[in-house]
């Protein structure tokens, strides 16, 4: 990294990445499925039957389509693929027990976060 803190009027120490280093992508497990009843599903989700934090989940987001209140899309963010794969395996076991009663036809995809920007 290149230190430019000694340039005119240094307010903060700033490090610029060298052209050789790229941040590793943050893998996201995206899950979507229909639910029998959103409120009941949410209560079950909050009990955390797979131990998301211990499994390596760093953040989660839950979405509901505006026109389909009993459908959910969940993003689980991880630091690495190993944690994601282990969590997916645990979810597959859990879903085998509740599919058809609490959730219906879960689908997953693995995404890599490439960029995020906040606008104020």
Protein backbone atom coordinates (compact mmCIF):
# COMPACT_ATOMS: atom_id res chain seq x y z
CA UNK A 1 0.00 0.00 0.00
CA UNK A 2 1.11 3.50 -0.71
CA UNK A 3 1.07 5.93 2.23
CA UNK A 4 0.09 9.44 1.16
CA UNK A 5 -0.37 10.87 4.63
CA UNK A 6 2.57 13.23 4.25
CA UNK A 7 1.03 15.16 1.37
CA UNK A 8 -0.16 18.72 1.94
CA UNK A 9 -2.61 19.17 4.79
CA UNK A 10 -2.81 15.62 6.04
CA UNK A 11 -6.02 15.23 7.99
CA UNK A 12 -6.10 11.46 8.14
CA UNK A 13 -3.83 8.63 7.22
CA UNK A 14 -4.94 7.25 3.85
CA UNK A 15 -3.74 4.04 2.28
CA UNK A 16 -4.26 3.32 -1.38
CA UNK A 17 -4.12 -0.31 -2.47
CA UNK A 18 -1.39 -1.23 -4.87
CA UNK A 19 -2.46 -2.29 -8.34
CA UNK A 20 -1.58 -5.89 -7.42
CA UNK A 21 -3.99 -6.25 -4.49
CA UNK A 22 -7.71 -6.73 -4.96
CA UNK A 23 -10.16 -7.29 -2.13
CA UNK A 24 -11.51 -10.81 -1.98
CA UNK A 25 -15.15 -11.00 -2.98
CA UNK A 26 -17.61 -11.35 -0.13
CA UNK A 27 -19.72 -14.43 -0.87
CA UNK A 28 -23.45 -14.14 -0.34
CA UNK A 29 -25.87 -17.02 -0.07
CA UNK A 30 -29.15 -15.79 -1.48
CA UNK A 31 -32.20 -17.84 -0.54
CA UNK A 32 -35.74 -17.42 -1.74
CA UNK A 33 -38.93 -19.31 -1.08
CA UNK A 34 -42.62 -19.05 -0.40
CA UNK A 35 -43.76 -19.21 3.23
CA UNK A 36 -47.06 -20.39 4.66
CA UNK A 37 -47.33 -17.31 6.88
CA UNK A 38 -44.68 -14.58 7.06
CA UNK A 39 -45.10 -13.80 10.76
CA UNK A 40 -44.79 -17.46 11.74
CA UNK A 41 -41.80 -17.94 9.44
CA UNK A 42 -40.13 -14.84 10.90
CA UNK A 43 -40.55 -16.16 14.43
CA UNK A 44 -38.94 -19.45 13.36
CA UNK A 45 -36.11 -17.55 11.60
CA UNK A 46 -35.45 -15.54 14.76
CA UNK A 47 -34.97 -18.74 16.79
CA UNK A 48 -31.89 -19.28 14.59
CA UNK A 49 -31.99 -23.09 14.38
CA UNK A 50 -28.67 -23.33 12.49
CA UNK A 51 -26.71 -20.80 14.59
CA UNK A 52 -26.01 -18.18 11.92
CA UNK A 53 -23.34 -16.27 13.88
CA UNK A 54 -21.44 -19.43 14.84
CA UNK A 55 -21.74 -20.61 11.23
CA UNK A 56 -19.90 -17.54 9.99
CA UNK A 57 -22.77 -15.34 8.82
CA UNK A 58 -21.62 -11.71 9.06
CA UNK A 59 -24.84 -9.99 7.96
CA UNK A 60 -28.29 -10.98 6.84
CA UNK A 61 -31.01 -9.13 4.97
CA UNK A 62 -34.61 -10.19 4.52
CA UNK A 63 -36.70 -8.92 1.61
CA UNK A 64 -40.36 -9.35 0.73
CA UNK A 65 -41.74 -8.55 -2.70
CA UNK A 66 -44.21 -5.68 -2.42
CA UNK A 67 -46.89 -7.68 -4.20
CA UNK A 68 -46.26 -11.07 -2.54
CA UNK A 69 -46.25 -10.88 1.28
CA UNK A 70 -45.74 -14.62 1.80
CA UNK A 71 -42.52 -14.82 -0.21
CA UNK A 72 -39.07 -14.08 1.22
CA UNK A 73 -35.62 -13.45 -0.17
CA UNK A 74 -32.75 -13.69 2.30
CA UNK A 75 -29.13 -12.66 1.80
CA UNK A 76 -26.56 -14.22 4.15
CA UNK A 77 -23.09 -12.64 3.87
CA UNK A 78 -19.90 -14.53 4.75
CA UNK A 79 -16.16 -13.88 4.82
CA UNK A 80 -15.39 -17.08 2.91
CA UNK A 81 -16.80 -19.87 0.81
CA UNK A 82 -16.10 -22.60 3.38
CA UNK A 83 -18.49 -21.04 5.90
CA UNK A 84 -21.07 -20.49 3.18
CA UNK A 85 -20.92 -24.13 2.03
CA UNK A 86 -21.21 -25.43 5.60
CA UNK A 87 -24.21 -23.20 6.26
CA UNK A 88 -25.86 -24.30 3.03
CA UNK A 89 -25.44 -27.95 4.06
CA UNK A 90 -27.04 -27.21 7.45
CA UNK A 91 -29.90 -25.39 5.75
CA UNK A 92 -30.54 -28.31 3.40
CA UNK A 93 -30.95 -30.59 6.43
CA UNK A 94 -33.28 -28.10 8.12
CA UNK A 95 -35.34 -27.57 4.97
CA UNK A 96 -35.83 -31.32 4.65
CA UNK A 97 -37.72 -31.16 7.95
CA UNK A 98 -39.93 -28.12 7.23
CA UNK A 99 -40.46 -28.04 3.47
CA UNK A 100 -44.13 -28.21 2.61
CA UNK A 101 -45.30 -26.89 5.97
CA UNK A 102 -43.33 -23.74 6.82
CA UNK A 103 -41.49 -23.08 3.54
CA UNK A 104 -42.03 -24.15 -0.05
CA UNK A 105 -39.48 -24.85 -2.79
CA UNK A 106 -36.38 -23.10 -1.44
CA UNK A 107 -33.97 -21.93 -4.10
CA UNK A 108 -30.42 -20.74 -3.54
CA UNK A 109 -27.70 -19.01 -5.48
CA UNK A 110 -24.19 -17.97 -4.52
CA UNK A 111 -23.28 -14.38 -5.31
CA UNK A 112 -20.05 -12.42 -4.98
CA UNK A 113 -20.40 -8.86 -3.76
CA UNK A 114 -18.49 -6.83 -6.31
CA UNK A 115 -19.31 -3.31 -5.23
CA UNK A 116 -21.46 -1.42 -2.79
CA UNK A 117 -21.93 2.33 -2.61
CA UNK A 118 -23.86 4.45 -0.15
CA UNK A 119 -25.55 7.65 -1.32
CA UNK A 120 -26.74 10.23 1.15
